[in-house]
Protein backbone atom coordinates (compact mmCIF):
# COMPACT_ATOMS: atom_id res chain seq x y z
CA UNK A 1 0.00 0.00 0.00
CA UNK A 2 2.82 2.41 0.84
CA UNK A 3 4.52 1.63 -2.47
CA UNK A 4 1.33 2.69 -4.28
CA UNK A 5 1.26 5.94 -2.31
CA UNK A 6 4.86 6.75 -3.24
CA UNK A 7 4.17 5.84 -6.88
CA UNK A 8 1.29 8.34 -6.89
CA UNK A 9 3.74 11.19 -6.28
CA UNK A 10 6.91 9.68 -7.80
CA UNK A 11 5.84 7.38 -10.65
CA UNK A 12 9.38 6.84 -11.93
CA UNK A 13 10.78 5.67 -8.60
CA UNK A 14 8.40 2.78 -7.91
CA UNK A 15 7.85 -0.38 -9.94
CA UNK A 16 4.86 -2.20 -8.46
CA UNK A 17 5.97 -5.48 -10.05
CA UNK A 18 8.72 -5.68 -7.41
CA UNK A 19 6.18 -5.86 -4.57
CA UNK A 20 4.12 -9.02 -4.21
CA UNK A 21 0.78 -8.69 -2.33
CA UNK A 22 0.94 -11.29 0.42
CA UNK A 23 0.02 -12.10 4.00
CA UNK A 24 3.29 -13.92 4.64
CA UNK A 25 5.58 -12.22 7.13
CA UNK A 26 8.78 -13.07 5.26
CA UNK A 27 7.43 -11.70 1.99
CA UNK A 28 6.29 -8.52 3.75
CA UNK A 29 9.80 -8.04 5.13
CA UNK A 30 11.19 -8.57 1.64
CA UNK A 31 8.83 -5.97 0.16
CA UNK A 32 9.76 -3.44 2.82
CA UNK A 33 13.46 -4.13 2.30
CA UNK A 34 13.14 -3.46 -1.45
CA UNK A 35 11.13 -0.29 -0.81
CA UNK A 36 13.63 0.94 1.75
CA UNK A 37 16.64 0.18 -0.45
CA UNK A 38 15.41 1.31 -3.87
CA UNK A 39 12.91 4.08 -3.12
CA UNK A 40 13.41 5.54 0.35
CA UNK A 41 17.15 5.78 -0.23
CA UNK A 42 16.60 8.06 -3.24
CA UNK A 43 14.21 10.20 -1.20
CA UNK A 44 16.79 10.40 1.62
CA UNK A 45 14.36 8.67 3.93
CA UNK A 46 15.85 5.92 6.08
CA UNK A 47 13.71 3.38 7.94
CA UNK A 48 15.41 1.05 10.40
CA UNK A 49 14.93 -2.70 10.48
CA UNK A 50 13.29 -2.41 13.89
CA UNK A 51 10.64 -0.05 12.54
CA UNK A 52 10.04 -2.34 9.56
CA UNK A 53 9.55 -5.33 11.85
CA UNK A 54 7.07 -3.34 13.96
CA UNK A 55 5.08 -2.38 10.88
CA UNK A 56 5.03 -5.96 9.60
CA UNK A 57 3.91 -7.17 13.05
CA UNK A 58 0.98 -4.67 12.93
CA UNK A 59 2.24 -2.82 15.99
CA UNK A 60 -0.13 0.09 16.77
CA UNK A 61 1.40 3.46 15.90
CA UNK A 62 4.35 2.00 13.97
CA UNK A 63 3.35 3.25 10.50
CA UNK A 64 2.47 6.84 11.51
CA UNK A 65 6.08 8.15 11.83
CA UNK A 66 6.94 6.74 8.41
CA UNK A 67 3.89 8.37 6.82
CA UNK A 68 4.67 11.70 8.46
CA UNK A 69 8.28 11.56 7.26
CA UNK A 70 7.10 10.68 3.75
CA UNK A 71 4.68 13.59 3.85
CA UNK A 72 7.51 15.99 4.71
CA UNK A 73 9.58 14.60 1.84
CA UNK A 74 6.68 15.14 -0.56
CA UNK A 75 6.32 18.72 0.68
CA UNK A 76 10.04 19.39 0.30
CA UNK A 77 9.98 17.97 -3.21
CA UNK A 78 7.05 20.20 -4.14
CA UNK A 79 8.83 23.28 -2.80
CA UNK A 80 11.98 22.44 -4.75
CA UNK A 81 10.03 21.86 -7.97
CA UNK A 82 8.12 25.14 -7.64
CA UNK A 83 9.81 28.01 -9.52
CA UNK A 84 11.29 30.58 -7.11
CA UNK A 85 9.86 34.11 -7.46
CA UNK A 86 12.27 36.27 -9.40
CA UNK A 87 12.70 39.85 -8.35
CA UNK A 88 12.72 42.61 -10.92
CA UNK A 89 16.37 43.58 -11.25
CA UNK A 90 15.49 46.80 -13.01
CA UNK A 91 17.12 48.16 -16.13
CA UNK A 92 20.87 48.00 -16.25
CA UNK A 93 23.08 50.81 -17.40
CA UNK A 94 23.54 49.22 -20.81
CA UNK A 95 19.81 48.74 -21.25
CA UNK A 96 19.10 52.25 -20.13
CA UNK A 97 21.33 53.67 -22.82
CA UNK A 98 19.92 51.42 -25.56
CA UNK A 99 17.47 52.86 -28.10
CA UNK A 100 14.82 50.33 -27.11
CA UNK A 101 14.82 51.52 -23.52
CA UNK A 102 14.48 55.11 -24.66
CA UNK A 103 11.50 54.27 -26.85
CA UNK A 104 9.52 52.30 -24.24
CA UNK A 105 7.56 53.92 -21.46
CA UNK A 106 9.01 53.27 -17.93
CA UNK A 107 6.75 51.19 -15.72
CA UNK A 108 5.79 51.80 -12.06
CA UNK A 109 6.65 55.51 -12.24
CA UNK A 110 4.56 58.61 -12.30
CA UNK A 111 6.63 60.18 -15.04
CA UNK A 112 5.63 60.15 -18.64
CA UNK A 113 8.10 58.67 -21.06
CA UNK A 114 9.44 60.48 -24.07
CA UNK A 115 7.16 60.94 -27.00
CA UNK A 116 7.62 58.35 -29.71
CA UNK A 117 7.30 59.38 -33.32
CA UNK A 118 4.38 57.92 -35.22
CA UNK A 119 6.61 56.09 -37.68
CA UNK A 120 8.59 54.21 -35.02
CA UNK A 121 7.21 50.97 -33.55
CA UNK A 122 7.85 50.25 -29.90
CA UNK A 123 9.07 46.83 -28.75
CA UNK A 124 7.11 45.02 -26.01
CA UNK A 125 8.75 44.62 -22.63
CA UNK A 126 10.59 41.34 -22.23
CA UNK A 127 9.61 41.07 -18.58
CA UNK A 128 5.88 40.60 -19.16
CA UNK A 129 4.27 37.50 -17.61
CA UNK A 130 3.27 36.21 -21.04
CA UNK A 131 6.90 35.94 -22.14
CA UNK A 132 8.38 34.34 -19.04
CA UNK A 133 6.72 30.96 -19.43
CA UNK A 134 5.74 30.78 -15.71
CA UNK A 135 2.39 31.43 -14.09
CA UNK A 136 2.28 34.56 -11.97
CA UNK A 137 0.42 34.39 -8.66
CA UNK A 138 -0.63 37.70 -7.20
CA UNK A 139 -0.69 37.75 -3.43
CA UNK A 140 -0.17 33.95 -3.25
CA UNK A 141 2.87 31.73 -3.01
CA UNK A 142 3.02 29.27 -5.95
CA UNK A 143 4.07 26.51 -3.59
CA UNK A 144 1.04 26.88 -1.33
CA UNK A 145 -1.50 25.59 -3.84
CA UNK A 146 0.61 22.60 -4.79
CA UNK A 147 1.19 21.66 -1.15
CA UNK A 148 -2.50 21.80 -0.38
CA UNK A 149 -3.21 19.70 -3.45
CA UNK A 150 -0.61 17.15 -2.39
CA UNK A 151 -1.97 17.01 1.15
CA UNK A 152 -5.54 16.45 -0.04
CA UNK A 153 -4.45 13.86 -2.62
CA UNK A 154 -2.38 11.97 -0.07
CA UNK A 155 -5.22 12.04 2.44
CA UNK A 156 -7.74 10.80 -0.14
CA UNK A 157 -5.41 8.01 -1.24
CA UNK A 158 -4.86 6.94 2.37
CA UNK A 159 -8.60 6.87 3.01
CA UNK A 160 -9.19 4.69 -0.06
CA UNK A 161 -6.46 2.28 1.00
CA UNK A 162 -7.83 2.12 4.56
CA UNK A 163 -11.30 1.27 3.24
CA UNK A 164 -9.86 -1.45 1.03
CA UNK A 165 -7.90 -2.76 4.00
CA UNK A 166 -11.05 -2.94 6.13
CA UNK A 167 -12.83 -4.93 3.41
CA UNK A 168 -9.91 -7.34 3.14
CA UNK A 169 -9.81 -7.78 6.91
CA UNK A 170 -13.50 -8.67 6.94
CA UNK A 171 -12.92 -11.23 4.19
CA UNK A 172 -10.04 -12.71 6.16
CA UNK A 173 -12.25 -13.02 9.25
CA UNK A 174 -14.96 -14.80 7.26
CA UNK A 175 -12.42 -17.21 5.77
CA UNK A 176 -10.94 -17.88 9.21
CA UNK A 177 -14.40 -18.72 10.56
CA UNK A 178 -14.93 -21.14 7.69
CA UNK A 179 -11.57 -22.76 8.35
CA UNK A 180 -12.42 -23.20 12.05
CA UNK A 181 -15.74 -24.76 11.13
CA UNK A 182 -14.11 -27.18 8.69
CA UNK A 183 -11.51 -28.12 11.30
CA UNK A 184 -14.28 -28.93 13.78
CA UNK A 185 -16.08 -31.09 11.23
CA UNK A 186 -12.85 -32.87 10.39
CA UNK A 187 -12.14 -33.51 14.06
CA UNK A 188 -15.65 -34.87 14.57
CA UNK A 189 -15.26 -37.22 11.62
CA UNK A 190 -11.94 -38.45 12.96
CA UNK A 191 -13.54 -39.18 16.34
CA UNK A 192 -16.34 -41.14 14.69
CA UNK A 193 -13.84 -43.14 12.63
CA UNK A 194 -11.84 -43.88 15.77
CA UNK A 195 -14.91 -45.12 17.65
CA UNK A 196 -15.93 -47.36 14.77
CA UNK A 197 -12.41 -48.74 14.51
CA UNK A 198 -12.36 -49.65 18.20
CA UNK A 199 -15.75 -51.40 18.05
CA UNK A 200 -14.76 -53.32 14.93
CA UNK A 201 -17.73 -52.17 12.86
CA UNK A 202 -17.71 -50.27 9.64
CA UNK A 203 -19.67 -47.08 9.11
CA UNK A 204 -21.99 -48.87 6.68
CA UNK A 205 -22.86 -51.50 9.30
CA UNK A 206 -23.59 -48.87 11.87
CA UNK A 207 -25.61 -46.57 9.71
CA UNK A 208 -27.42 -49.29 7.75
CA UNK A 209 -28.20 -52.30 10.03
CA UNK A 210 -28.72 -55.61 8.39
CA UNK A 211 -32.27 -56.48 7.50
CA UNK A 212 -33.77 -59.89 8.03
CA UNK A 213 -33.96 -62.06 4.97
CA UNK A 214 -37.43 -62.02 3.38
CA UNK A 215 -37.15 -65.76 2.63
CA UNK A 216 -38.75 -67.79 5.39
CA UNK A 217 -38.28 -71.44 6.19
CA UNK A 218 -41.06 -74.07 5.72
CA UNK A 219 -43.87 -73.59 8.20
CA UNK A 220 -45.90 -76.33 9.97
CA UNK A 221 -47.73 -78.73 7.67
CA UNK A 222 -51.51 -78.22 7.80
CA UNK A 223 -53.48 -81.31 8.93
CA UNK A 224 -54.87 -83.46 6.18
CA UNK A 225 -58.60 -83.64 5.80
CA UNK A 226 -60.09 -86.99 6.93
CA UNK A 227 -63.14 -88.57 5.37
CA UNK A 228 -66.13 -89.07 7.64
C-alpha atoms as a PDB file:
ATOM      1  CA  UNK A   1       0.000   0.000   0.000  1.00  0.00           C
ATOM      2  CA  UNK A   2       2.821   2.409   0.844  1.00  0.00           C
ATOM      3  CA  UNK A   3       4.515   1.632  -2.466  1.00  0.00           C
ATOM      4  CA  UNK A   4       1.330   2.686  -4.284  1.00  0.00           C
ATOM      5  CA  UNK A   5       1.259   5.944  -2.306  1.00  0.00           C
ATOM      6  CA  UNK A   6       4.861   6.745  -3.237  1.00  0.00           C
ATOM      7  CA  UNK A   7       4.165   5.843  -6.878  1.00  0.00           C
ATOM      8  CA  UNK A   8       1.289   8.340  -6.892  1.00  0.00           C
ATOM      9  CA  UNK A   9       3.744  11.194  -6.278  1.00  0.00           C
ATOM     10  CA  UNK A  10       6.914   9.677  -7.796  1.00  0.00           C
ATOM     11  CA  UNK A  11       5.838   7.376 -10.652  1.00  0.00           C
ATOM     12  CA  UNK A  12       9.381   6.837 -11.928  1.00  0.00           C
ATOM     13  CA  UNK A  13      10.784   5.666  -8.601  1.00  0.00           C
ATOM     14  CA  UNK A  14       8.403   2.777  -7.909  1.00  0.00           C
ATOM     15  CA  UNK A  15       7.852  -0.376  -9.938  1.00  0.00           C
ATOM     16  CA  UNK A  16       4.863  -2.199  -8.459  1.00  0.00           C
ATOM     17  CA  UNK A  17       5.969  -5.478 -10.045  1.00  0.00           C
ATOM     18  CA  UNK A  18       8.718  -5.679  -7.405  1.00  0.00           C
ATOM     19  CA  UNK A  19       6.181  -5.864  -4.565  1.00  0.00           C
ATOM     20  CA  UNK A  20       4.121  -9.021  -4.214  1.00  0.00           C
ATOM     21  CA  UNK A  21       0.785  -8.693  -2.327  1.00  0.00           C
ATOM     22  CA  UNK A  22       0.939 -11.286   0.418  1.00  0.00           C
ATOM     23  CA  UNK A  23       0.017 -12.096   4.004  1.00  0.00           C
ATOM     24  CA  UNK A  24       3.285 -13.918   4.640  1.00  0.00           C
ATOM     25  CA  UNK A  25       5.584 -12.215   7.133  1.00  0.00           C
ATOM     26  CA  UNK A  26       8.783 -13.073   5.261  1.00  0.00           C
ATOM     27  CA  UNK A  27       7.427 -11.700   1.990  1.00  0.00           C
ATOM     28  CA  UNK A  28       6.291  -8.522   3.753  1.00  0.00           C
ATOM     29  CA  UNK A  29       9.801  -8.035   5.131  1.00  0.00           C
ATOM     30  CA  UNK A  30      11.195  -8.573   1.637  1.00  0.00           C
ATOM     31  CA  UNK A  31       8.832  -5.972   0.160  1.00  0.00           C
ATOM     32  CA  UNK A  32       9.764  -3.436   2.817  1.00  0.00           C
ATOM     33  CA  UNK A  33      13.459  -4.128   2.296  1.00  0.00           C
ATOM     34  CA  UNK A  34      13.141  -3.460  -1.446  1.00  0.00           C
ATOM     35  CA  UNK A  35      11.126  -0.287  -0.806  1.00  0.00           C
ATOM     36  CA  UNK A  36      13.633   0.937   1.752  1.00  0.00           C
ATOM     37  CA  UNK A  37      16.645   0.184  -0.446  1.00  0.00           C
ATOM     38  CA  UNK A  38      15.411   1.310  -3.865  1.00  0.00           C
ATOM     39  CA  UNK A  39      12.909   4.078  -3.120  1.00  0.00           C
ATOM     40  CA  UNK A  40      13.408   5.537   0.349  1.00  0.00           C
ATOM     41  CA  UNK A  41      17.154   5.779  -0.227  1.00  0.00           C
ATOM     42  CA  UNK A  42      16.596   8.056  -3.238  1.00  0.00           C
ATOM     43  CA  UNK A  43      14.207  10.196  -1.196  1.00  0.00           C
ATOM     44  CA  UNK A  44      16.789  10.402   1.622  1.00  0.00           C
ATOM     45  CA  UNK A  45      14.359   8.668   3.928  1.00  0.00           C
ATOM     46  CA  UNK A  46      15.847   5.922   6.076  1.00  0.00           C
ATOM     47  CA  UNK A  47      13.712   3.380   7.939  1.00  0.00           C
ATOM     48  CA  UNK A  48      15.411   1.050  10.404  1.00  0.00           C
ATOM     49  CA  UNK A  49      14.933  -2.703  10.481  1.00  0.00           C
ATOM     50  CA  UNK A  50      13.291  -2.408  13.891  1.00  0.00           C
ATOM     51  CA  UNK A  51      10.640  -0.051  12.535  1.00  0.00           C
ATOM     52  CA  UNK A  52      10.035  -2.338   9.557  1.00  0.00           C
ATOM     53  CA  UNK A  53       9.548  -5.328  11.853  1.00  0.00           C
ATOM     54  CA  UNK A  54       7.071  -3.343  13.965  1.00  0.00           C
ATOM     55  CA  UNK A  55       5.080  -2.377  10.876  1.00  0.00           C
ATOM     56  CA  UNK A  56       5.029  -5.962   9.597  1.00  0.00           C
ATOM     57  CA  UNK A  57       3.915  -7.169  13.045  1.00  0.00           C
ATOM     58  CA  UNK A  58       0.981  -4.670  12.934  1.00  0.00           C
ATOM     59  CA  UNK A  59       2.242  -2.818  15.995  1.00  0.00           C
ATOM     60  CA  UNK A  60      -0.132   0.089  16.772  1.00  0.00           C
ATOM     61  CA  UNK A  61       1.401   3.461  15.902  1.00  0.00           C
ATOM     62  CA  UNK A  62       4.346   2.000  13.975  1.00  0.00           C
ATOM     63  CA  UNK A  63       3.352   3.250  10.505  1.00  0.00           C
ATOM     64  CA  UNK A  64       2.470   6.841  11.506  1.00  0.00           C
ATOM     65  CA  UNK A  65       6.079   8.149  11.830  1.00  0.00           C
ATOM     66  CA  UNK A  66       6.939   6.740   8.406  1.00  0.00           C
ATOM     67  CA  UNK A  67       3.889   8.366   6.819  1.00  0.00           C
ATOM     68  CA  UNK A  68       4.672  11.704   8.461  1.00  0.00           C
ATOM     69  CA  UNK A  69       8.282  11.559   7.261  1.00  0.00           C
ATOM     70  CA  UNK A  70       7.098  10.684   3.748  1.00  0.00           C
ATOM     71  CA  UNK A  71       4.679  13.594   3.846  1.00  0.00           C
ATOM     72  CA  UNK A  72       7.509  15.986   4.713  1.00  0.00           C
ATOM     73  CA  UNK A  73       9.583  14.602   1.836  1.00  0.00           C
ATOM     74  CA  UNK A  74       6.685  15.136  -0.563  1.00  0.00           C
ATOM     75  CA  UNK A  75       6.322  18.717   0.677  1.00  0.00           C
ATOM     76  CA  UNK A  76      10.044  19.386   0.298  1.00  0.00           C
ATOM     77  CA  UNK A  77       9.983  17.973  -3.211  1.00  0.00           C
ATOM     78  CA  UNK A  78       7.047  20.198  -4.140  1.00  0.00           C
ATOM     79  CA  UNK A  79       8.830  23.280  -2.803  1.00  0.00           C
ATOM     80  CA  UNK A  80      11.976  22.443  -4.754  1.00  0.00           C
ATOM     81  CA  UNK A  81      10.034  21.860  -7.966  1.00  0.00           C
ATOM     82  CA  UNK A  82       8.116  25.138  -7.642  1.00  0.00           C
ATOM     83  CA  UNK A  83       9.814  28.014  -9.524  1.00  0.00           C
ATOM     84  CA  UNK A  84      11.286  30.577  -7.109  1.00  0.00           C
ATOM     85  CA  UNK A  85       9.864  34.105  -7.459  1.00  0.00           C
ATOM     86  CA  UNK A  86      12.266  36.269  -9.405  1.00  0.00           C
ATOM     87  CA  UNK A  87      12.702  39.846  -8.350  1.00  0.00           C
ATOM     88  CA  UNK A  88      12.715  42.612 -10.920  1.00  0.00           C
ATOM     89  CA  UNK A  89      16.370  43.583 -11.254  1.00  0.00           C
ATOM     90  CA  UNK A  90      15.491  46.801 -13.006  1.00  0.00           C
ATOM     91  CA  UNK A  91      17.118  48.157 -16.128  1.00  0.00           C
ATOM     92  CA  UNK A  92      20.875  47.996 -16.255  1.00  0.00           C
ATOM     93  CA  UNK A  93      23.081  50.806 -17.397  1.00  0.00           C
ATOM     94  CA  UNK A  94      23.539  49.224 -20.806  1.00  0.00           C
ATOM     95  CA  UNK A  95      19.805  48.738 -21.248  1.00  0.00           C
ATOM     96  CA  UNK A  96      19.100  52.255 -20.129  1.00  0.00           C
ATOM     97  CA  UNK A  97      21.335  53.674 -22.818  1.00  0.00           C
ATOM     98  CA  UNK A  98      19.918  51.419 -25.560  1.00  0.00           C
ATOM     99  CA  UNK A  99      17.469  52.857 -28.100  1.00  0.00           C
ATOM    100  CA  UNK A 100      14.821  50.328 -27.110  1.00  0.00           C
ATOM    101  CA  UNK A 101      14.825  51.523 -23.520  1.00  0.00           C
ATOM    102  CA  UNK A 102      14.477  55.108 -24.656  1.00  0.00           C
ATOM    103  CA  UNK A 103      11.502  54.265 -26.851  1.00  0.00           C
ATOM    104  CA  UNK A 104       9.520  52.304 -24.239  1.00  0.00           C
ATOM    105  CA  UNK A 105       7.559  53.917 -21.455  1.00  0.00           C
ATOM    106  CA  UNK A 106       9.008  53.271 -17.925  1.00  0.00           C
ATOM    107  CA  UNK A 107       6.749  51.187 -15.718  1.00  0.00           C
ATOM    108  CA  UNK A 108       5.792  51.804 -12.063  1.00  0.00           C
ATOM    109  CA  UNK A 109       6.650  55.507 -12.242  1.00  0.00           C
ATOM    110  CA  UNK A 110       4.560  58.606 -12.296  1.00  0.00           C
ATOM    111  CA  UNK A 111       6.627  60.181 -15.038  1.00  0.00           C
ATOM    112  CA  UNK A 112       5.633  60.149 -18.637  1.00  0.00           C
ATOM    113  CA  UNK A 113       8.101  58.673 -21.061  1.00  0.00           C
ATOM    114  CA  UNK A 114       9.443  60.478 -24.074  1.00  0.00           C
ATOM    115  CA  UNK A 115       7.164  60.942 -27.005  1.00  0.00           C
ATOM    116  CA  UNK A 116       7.621  58.347 -29.711  1.00  0.00           C
ATOM    117  CA  UNK A 117       7.298  59.378 -33.317  1.00  0.00           C
ATOM    118  CA  UNK A 118       4.385  57.921 -35.220  1.00  0.00           C
ATOM    119  CA  UNK A 119       6.609  56.093 -37.684  1.00  0.00           C
ATOM    120  CA  UNK A 120       8.588  54.205 -35.017  1.00  0.00           C
ATOM    121  CA  UNK A 121       7.212  50.968 -33.550  1.00  0.00           C
ATOM    122  CA  UNK A 122       7.847  50.252 -29.905  1.00  0.00           C
ATOM    123  CA  UNK A 123       9.073  46.834 -28.747  1.00  0.00           C
ATOM    124  CA  UNK A 124       7.110  45.020 -26.005  1.00  0.00           C
ATOM    125  CA  UNK A 125       8.747  44.624 -22.634  1.00  0.00           C
ATOM    126  CA  UNK A 126      10.594  41.335 -22.231  1.00  0.00           C
ATOM    127  CA  UNK A 127       9.612  41.066 -18.579  1.00  0.00           C
ATOM    128  CA  UNK A 128       5.881  40.600 -19.162  1.00  0.00           C
ATOM    129  CA  UNK A 129       4.273  37.504 -17.613  1.00  0.00           C
ATOM    130  CA  UNK A 130       3.267  36.212 -21.039  1.00  0.00           C
ATOM    131  CA  UNK A 131       6.899  35.938 -22.141  1.00  0.00           C
ATOM    132  CA  UNK A 132       8.383  34.343 -19.039  1.00  0.00           C
ATOM    133  CA  UNK A 133       6.718  30.955 -19.426  1.00  0.00           C
ATOM    134  CA  UNK A 134       5.741  30.779 -15.714  1.00  0.00           C
ATOM    135  CA  UNK A 135       2.386  31.425 -14.093  1.00  0.00           C
ATOM    136  CA  UNK A 136       2.281  34.556 -11.975  1.00  0.00           C
ATOM    137  CA  UNK A 137       0.424  34.388  -8.662  1.00  0.00           C
ATOM    138  CA  UNK A 138      -0.635  37.704  -7.201  1.00  0.00           C
ATOM    139  CA  UNK A 139      -0.692  37.745  -3.432  1.00  0.00           C
ATOM    140  CA  UNK A 140      -0.170  33.951  -3.253  1.00  0.00           C
ATOM    141  CA  UNK A 141       2.868  31.729  -3.007  1.00  0.00           C
ATOM    142  CA  UNK A 142       3.017  29.274  -5.955  1.00  0.00           C
ATOM    143  CA  UNK A 143       4.072  26.509  -3.590  1.00  0.00           C
ATOM    144  CA  UNK A 144       1.037  26.885  -1.335  1.00  0.00           C
ATOM    145  CA  UNK A 145      -1.504  25.586  -3.839  1.00  0.00           C
ATOM    146  CA  UNK A 146       0.614  22.597  -4.789  1.00  0.00           C
ATOM    147  CA  UNK A 147       1.188  21.658  -1.149  1.00  0.00           C
ATOM    148  CA  UNK A 148      -2.502  21.803  -0.376  1.00  0.00           C
ATOM    149  CA  UNK A 149      -3.212  19.699  -3.453  1.00  0.00           C
ATOM    150  CA  UNK A 150      -0.609  17.151  -2.393  1.00  0.00           C
ATOM    151  CA  UNK A 151      -1.972  17.013   1.149  1.00  0.00           C
ATOM    152  CA  UNK A 152      -5.544  16.445  -0.040  1.00  0.00           C
ATOM    153  CA  UNK A 153      -4.449  13.862  -2.618  1.00  0.00           C
ATOM    154  CA  UNK A 154      -2.383  11.972  -0.073  1.00  0.00           C
ATOM    155  CA  UNK A 155      -5.218  12.035   2.442  1.00  0.00           C
ATOM    156  CA  UNK A 156      -7.741  10.798  -0.136  1.00  0.00           C
ATOM    157  CA  UNK A 157      -5.415   8.010  -1.237  1.00  0.00           C
ATOM    158  CA  UNK A 158      -4.861   6.936   2.367  1.00  0.00           C
ATOM    159  CA  UNK A 159      -8.604   6.869   3.009  1.00  0.00           C
ATOM    160  CA  UNK A 160      -9.189   4.688  -0.055  1.00  0.00           C
ATOM    161  CA  UNK A 161      -6.461   2.281   1.004  1.00  0.00           C
ATOM    162  CA  UNK A 162      -7.831   2.124   4.556  1.00  0.00           C
ATOM    163  CA  UNK A 163     -11.300   1.270   3.242  1.00  0.00           C
ATOM    164  CA  UNK A 164      -9.862  -1.453   1.025  1.00  0.00           C
ATOM    165  CA  UNK A 165      -7.897  -2.765   4.000  1.00  0.00           C
ATOM    166  CA  UNK A 166     -11.050  -2.936   6.126  1.00  0.00           C
ATOM    167  CA  UNK A 167     -12.828  -4.928   3.410  1.00  0.00           C
ATOM    168  CA  UNK A 168      -9.907  -7.339   3.137  1.00  0.00           C
ATOM    169  CA  UNK A 169      -9.806  -7.780   6.910  1.00  0.00           C
ATOM    170  CA  UNK A 170     -13.502  -8.670   6.936  1.00  0.00           C
ATOM    171  CA  UNK A 171     -12.920 -11.227   4.187  1.00  0.00           C
ATOM    172  CA  UNK A 172     -10.036 -12.710   6.160  1.00  0.00           C
ATOM    173  CA  UNK A 173     -12.246 -13.021   9.249  1.00  0.00           C
ATOM    174  CA  UNK A 174     -14.956 -14.803   7.255  1.00  0.00           C
ATOM    175  CA  UNK A 175     -12.423 -17.206   5.771  1.00  0.00           C
ATOM    176  CA  UNK A 176     -10.945 -17.877   9.207  1.00  0.00           C
ATOM    177  CA  UNK A 177     -14.404 -18.715  10.564  1.00  0.00           C
ATOM    178  CA  UNK A 178     -14.935 -21.142   7.689  1.00  0.00           C
ATOM    179  CA  UNK A 179     -11.566 -22.755   8.350  1.00  0.00           C
ATOM    180  CA  UNK A 180     -12.417 -23.200  12.048  1.00  0.00           C
ATOM    181  CA  UNK A 181     -15.744 -24.765  11.127  1.00  0.00           C
ATOM    182  CA  UNK A 182     -14.111 -27.178   8.693  1.00  0.00           C
ATOM    183  CA  UNK A 183     -11.512 -28.116  11.295  1.00  0.00           C
ATOM    184  CA  UNK A 184     -14.276 -28.934  13.782  1.00  0.00           C
ATOM    185  CA  UNK A 185     -16.080 -31.092  11.235  1.00  0.00           C
ATOM    186  CA  UNK A 186     -12.849 -32.872  10.393  1.00  0.00           C
ATOM    187  CA  UNK A 187     -12.136 -33.513  14.064  1.00  0.00           C
ATOM    188  CA  UNK A 188     -15.655 -34.874  14.571  1.00  0.00           C
ATOM    189  CA  UNK A 189     -15.263 -37.222  11.622  1.00  0.00           C
ATOM    190  CA  UNK A 190     -11.939 -38.446  12.958  1.00  0.00           C
ATOM    191  CA  UNK A 191     -13.543 -39.179  16.338  1.00  0.00           C
ATOM    192  CA  UNK A 192     -16.337 -41.143  14.688  1.00  0.00           C
ATOM    193  CA  UNK A 193     -13.844 -43.136  12.628  1.00  0.00           C
ATOM    194  CA  UNK A 194     -11.840 -43.879  15.774  1.00  0.00           C
ATOM    195  CA  UNK A 195     -14.906 -45.122  17.650  1.00  0.00           C
ATOM    196  CA  UNK A 196     -15.930 -47.359  14.772  1.00  0.00           C
ATOM    197  CA  UNK A 197     -12.414 -48.736  14.513  1.00  0.00           C
ATOM    198  CA  UNK A 198     -12.365 -49.652  18.203  1.00  0.00           C
ATOM    199  CA  UNK A 199     -15.752 -51.396  18.054  1.00  0.00           C
ATOM    200  CA  UNK A 200     -14.764 -53.316  14.927  1.00  0.00           C
ATOM    201  CA  UNK A 201     -17.731 -52.167  12.855  1.00  0.00           C
ATOM    202  CA  UNK A 202     -17.707 -50.274   9.644  1.00  0.00           C
ATOM    203  CA  UNK A 203     -19.666 -47.076   9.115  1.00  0.00           C
ATOM    204  CA  UNK A 204     -21.993 -48.873   6.681  1.00  0.00           C
ATOM    205  CA  UNK A 205     -22.858 -51.503   9.297  1.00  0.00           C
ATOM    206  CA  UNK A 206     -23.591 -48.869  11.867  1.00  0.00           C
ATOM    207  CA  UNK A 207     -25.614 -46.570   9.708  1.00  0.00           C
ATOM    208  CA  UNK A 208     -27.423 -49.290   7.753  1.00  0.00           C
ATOM    209  CA  UNK A 209     -28.201 -52.304  10.027  1.00  0.00           C
ATOM    210  CA  UNK A 210     -28.716 -55.606   8.386  1.00  0.00           C
ATOM    211  CA  UNK A 211     -32.275 -56.482   7.504  1.00  0.00           C
ATOM    212  CA  UNK A 212     -33.770 -59.886   8.027  1.00  0.00           C
ATOM    213  CA  UNK A 213     -33.955 -62.060   4.966  1.00  0.00           C
ATOM    214  CA  UNK A 214     -37.432 -62.020   3.383  1.00  0.00           C
ATOM    215  CA  UNK A 215     -37.150 -65.756   2.633  1.00  0.00           C
ATOM    216  CA  UNK A 216     -38.751 -67.787   5.385  1.00  0.00           C
ATOM    217  CA  UNK A 217     -38.282 -71.442   6.189  1.00  0.00           C
ATOM    218  CA  UNK A 218     -41.064 -74.068   5.716  1.00  0.00           C
ATOM    219  CA  UNK A 219     -43.869 -73.589   8.200  1.00  0.00           C
ATOM    220  CA  UNK A 220     -45.897 -76.327   9.965  1.00  0.00           C
ATOM    221  CA  UNK A 221     -47.727 -78.726   7.673  1.00  0.00           C
ATOM    222  CA  UNK A 222     -51.505 -78.225   7.804  1.00  0.00           C
ATOM    223  CA  UNK A 223     -53.478 -81.307   8.930  1.00  0.00           C
ATOM    224  CA  UNK A 224     -54.873 -83.461   6.184  1.00  0.00           C
ATOM    225  CA  UNK A 225     -58.599 -83.639   5.798  1.00  0.00           C
ATOM    226  CA  UNK A 226     -60.092 -86.994   6.925  1.00  0.00           C
ATOM    227  CA  UNK A 227     -63.136 -88.570   5.373  1.00  0.00           C
ATOM    228  CA  UNK A 228     -66.128 -89.073   7.637  1.00  0.00           C
END
